C-alpha atoms as a PDB file:
ATOM      1  CA  MET A   1       0.000   0.000   0.000  1.00  0.00           C
ATOM      2  CA  LEU A   2       1.435   3.320  -1.082  1.00  0.00           C
ATOM      3  CA  ALA A   3       1.427   6.259   1.339  1.00  0.00           C
ATOM      4  CA  VAL A   4       0.639   9.471  -0.554  1.00  0.00           C
ATOM      5  CA  GLY A   5       0.859  13.081   0.553  1.00  0.00           C
ATOM      6  CA  LYS A   6       0.467  16.605  -0.763  1.00  0.00           C
ATOM      7  CA  GLU A   7       3.417  16.155  -3.105  1.00  0.00           C
ATOM      8  CA  THR A   8       2.378  12.788  -4.612  1.00  0.00           C
ATOM      9  CA  PHE A   9      -1.446  12.749  -4.520  1.00  0.00           C
ATOM     10  CA  GLN A  10      -1.851  14.431  -7.916  1.00  0.00           C
ATOM     11  CA  THR A  11       0.448  11.981  -9.709  1.00  0.00           C
ATOM     12  CA  GLU A  12      -0.407   8.773  -7.857  1.00  0.00           C
ATOM     13  CA  VAL A  13      -4.184   9.254  -7.592  1.00  0.00           C
ATOM     14  CA  LEU A  14      -5.583  11.939  -9.868  1.00  0.00           C
ATOM     15  CA  GLU A  15      -3.328  11.219 -12.874  1.00  0.00           C
ATOM     16  CA  ALA A  16      -3.379   7.416 -12.544  1.00  0.00           C
ATOM     17  CA  ASN A  17      -4.662   5.385 -15.495  1.00  0.00           C
ATOM     18  CA  GLU A  18      -6.236   2.781 -13.246  1.00  0.00           C
ATOM     19  CA  TYR A  19      -8.672   2.465 -10.394  1.00  0.00           C
ATOM     20  CA  VAL A  20      -7.208   3.859  -7.178  1.00  0.00           C
ATOM     21  CA  ILE A  21      -8.418   3.364  -3.606  1.00  0.00           C
ATOM     22  CA  VAL A  22      -7.483   6.087  -1.115  1.00  0.00           C
ATOM     23  CA  ASP A  23      -7.747   5.282   2.582  1.00  0.00           C
ATOM     24  CA  TYR A  24      -8.114   8.654   4.319  1.00  0.00           C
ATOM     25  CA  TRP A  25      -7.045   8.391   7.961  1.00  0.00           C
ATOM     26  CA  CYS A  26      -5.275  10.249  10.750  1.00  0.00           C
ATOM     27  CA  ASP A  27      -3.231   9.296  13.790  1.00  0.00           C
ATOM     28  CA  GLY A  28      -5.859  10.118  16.420  1.00  0.00           C
ATOM     29  CA  CYS A  29      -8.696   8.246  14.694  1.00  0.00           C
ATOM     30  CA  GLN A  30      -9.261   4.907  16.442  1.00  0.00           C
ATOM     31  CA  PRO A  31     -11.783   3.641  13.828  1.00  0.00           C
ATOM     32  CA  CYS A  32      -9.169   4.474  11.152  1.00  0.00           C
ATOM     33  CA  MET A  33      -6.539   2.412  12.953  1.00  0.00           C
ATOM     34  CA  ALA A  34      -8.971  -0.475  13.413  1.00  0.00           C
ATOM     35  CA  LEU A  35      -9.863  -0.438   9.707  1.00  0.00           C
ATOM     36  CA  MET A  36      -6.313  -0.184   8.356  1.00  0.00           C
ATOM     37  CA  PRO A  37      -5.414  -3.926   8.619  1.00  0.00           C
ATOM     38  CA  ASP A  38      -8.581  -4.752   6.644  1.00  0.00           C
ATOM     39  CA  VAL A  39      -7.704  -2.237   3.935  1.00  0.00           C
ATOM     40  CA  GLU A  40      -4.154  -3.600   3.789  1.00  0.00           C
ATOM     41  CA  ALA A  41      -5.552  -7.145   3.420  1.00  0.00           C
ATOM     42  CA  LEU A  42      -7.742  -5.976   0.534  1.00  0.00           C
ATOM     43  CA  ALA A  43      -4.694  -4.332  -1.057  1.00  0.00           C
ATOM     44  CA  VAL A  44      -3.000  -7.737  -1.101  1.00  0.00           C
ATOM     45  CA  LYS A  45      -6.120  -9.506  -2.384  1.00  0.00           C
ATOM     46  CA  TYR A  46      -6.646  -7.061  -5.271  1.00  0.00           C
ATOM     47  CA  GLU A  47      -2.977  -6.467  -6.099  1.00  0.00           C
ATOM     48  CA  GLY A  48      -2.550  -5.927  -9.828  1.00  0.00           C
ATOM     49  CA  LYS A  49      -6.222  -4.968 -10.253  1.00  0.00           C
ATOM     50  CA  ILE A  50      -6.531  -1.821  -8.131  1.00  0.00           C
ATOM     51  CA  LYS A  51      -3.906   0.545  -6.758  1.00  0.00           C
ATOM     52  CA  PHE A  52      -4.248   1.072  -2.996  1.00  0.00           C
ATOM     53  CA  THR A  53      -3.008   4.255  -1.346  1.00  0.00           C
ATOM     54  CA  LYS A  54      -3.413   5.901   2.036  1.00  0.00           C
ATOM     55  CA  LEU A  55      -3.362   9.558   3.006  1.00  0.00           C
ATOM     56  CA  ASN A  56      -2.817  10.863   6.524  1.00  0.00           C
ATOM     57  CA  THR A  57      -5.232  13.798   6.635  1.00  0.00           C
ATOM     58  CA  ALA A  58      -3.427  15.346   9.613  1.00  0.00           C
ATOM     59  CA  LYS A  59      -0.524  16.079   7.245  1.00  0.00           C
ATOM     60  CA  ALA A  60      -2.702  17.112   4.277  1.00  0.00           C
ATOM     61  CA  ARG A  61      -5.809  18.757   5.706  1.00  0.00           C
ATOM     62  CA  ARG A  62      -6.441  21.118   2.775  1.00  0.00           C
ATOM     63  CA  LEU A  63      -6.005  18.297   0.301  1.00  0.00           C
ATOM     64  CA  ALA A  64      -8.575  16.185   2.170  1.00  0.00           C
ATOM     65  CA  ILE A  65     -11.006  19.115   2.231  1.00  0.00           C
ATOM     66  CA  SER A  66     -10.475  19.680  -1.500  1.00  0.00           C
ATOM     67  CA  GLN A  67     -11.528  16.052  -2.035  1.00  0.00           C
ATOM     68  CA  LYS A  68     -14.655  16.654   0.095  1.00  0.00           C
ATOM     69  CA  ILE A  69     -13.542  14.294   2.843  1.00  0.00           C
ATOM     70  CA  LEU A  70     -15.857  15.323   5.668  1.00  0.00           C
ATOM     71  CA  GLY A  71     -15.395  12.468   8.134  1.00  0.00           C
ATOM     72  CA  LEU A  72     -13.021   9.647   8.991  1.00  0.00           C
ATOM     73  CA  PRO A  73     -12.409   6.941   8.205  1.00  0.00           C
ATOM     74  CA  THR A  74     -13.200   7.417   4.515  1.00  0.00           C
ATOM     75  CA  VAL A  75     -12.166   5.012   1.781  1.00  0.00           C
ATOM     76  CA  ALA A  76     -12.647   6.512  -1.682  1.00  0.00           C
ATOM     77  CA  LEU A  77     -12.450   4.988  -5.160  1.00  0.00           C
ATOM     78  CA  TYR A  78     -11.021   7.071  -8.006  1.00  0.00           C
ATOM     79  CA  LYS A  79     -10.899   6.559 -11.763  1.00  0.00           C
ATOM     80  CA  ASP A  80      -9.374   9.020 -14.240  1.00  0.00           C
ATOM     81  CA  GLY A  81      -8.924  11.682 -11.567  1.00  0.00           C
ATOM     82  CA  GLU A  82     -12.541  11.584 -10.384  1.00  0.00           C
ATOM     83  CA  LYS A  83     -13.867  10.206  -7.116  1.00  0.00           C
ATOM     84  CA  ILE A  84     -16.521   7.725  -8.249  1.00  0.00           C
ATOM     85  CA  ASP A  85     -17.491   6.098  -4.955  1.00  0.00           C
ATOM     86  CA  GLU A  86     -16.707   6.169  -1.245  1.00  0.00           C
ATOM     87  CA  VAL A  87     -17.611   4.664   2.093  1.00  0.00           C
ATOM     88  CA  THR A  88     -17.258   6.756   5.216  1.00  0.00           C
ATOM     89  CA  LYS A  89     -17.547   6.628   9.002  1.00  0.00           C
ATOM     90  CA  GLU A  90     -19.715   3.654  10.101  1.00  0.00           C
ATOM     91  CA  GLU A  91     -20.109   2.516   6.479  1.00  0.00           C
ATOM     92  CA  ALA A  92     -16.329   2.112   6.122  1.00  0.00           C
ATOM     93  CA  THR A  93     -16.121  -1.638   6.756  1.00  0.00           C
ATOM     94  CA  LYS A  94     -14.115  -4.326   5.009  1.00  0.00           C
ATOM     95  CA  THR A  95     -17.323  -5.769   3.514  1.00  0.00           C
ATOM     96  CA  ASN A  96     -18.526  -2.416   2.175  1.00  0.00           C
ATOM     97  CA  ILE A  97     -15.102  -1.587   0.734  1.00  0.00           C
ATOM     98  CA  GLU A  98     -14.978  -4.959  -0.983  1.00  0.00           C
ATOM     99  CA  ASN A  99     -18.509  -4.480  -2.336  1.00  0.00           C
ATOM    100  CA  MET A 100     -17.446  -1.104  -3.767  1.00  0.00           C
ATOM    101  CA  ILE A 101     -14.474  -2.791  -5.468  1.00  0.00           C
ATOM    102  CA  GLU A 102     -16.475  -5.718  -6.809  1.00  0.00           C
ATOM    103  CA  LYS A 103     -18.938  -3.328  -8.512  1.00  0.00           C
ATOM    104  CA  ILE A 104     -16.199  -2.109 -10.865  1.00  0.00           C
ATOM    105  CA  LEU A 105     -14.294  -5.339 -11.504  1.00  0.00           C
END
């Protein structure tokens, strides 16, 4: 799973020619920390089909706001620079993330 930040988000997510998952999280978010192993497991499962990235919103607050990330955890799916789907807060579960992925594969 690739950690992205202000410097790499544009290239790795918005300019990617593939589906990209972004796990938006921050250090003080316990639900984010609980979800991260599940997201990392999905990254392994879907390796080669979807690019998985994670963004620490504490280090890129304006970037998160520009992507309309209003709560954490949020896991968003991008294609061709556009956010096409997301699950957030209580909806951000391994099952719901996998369902979001399966819809586009």
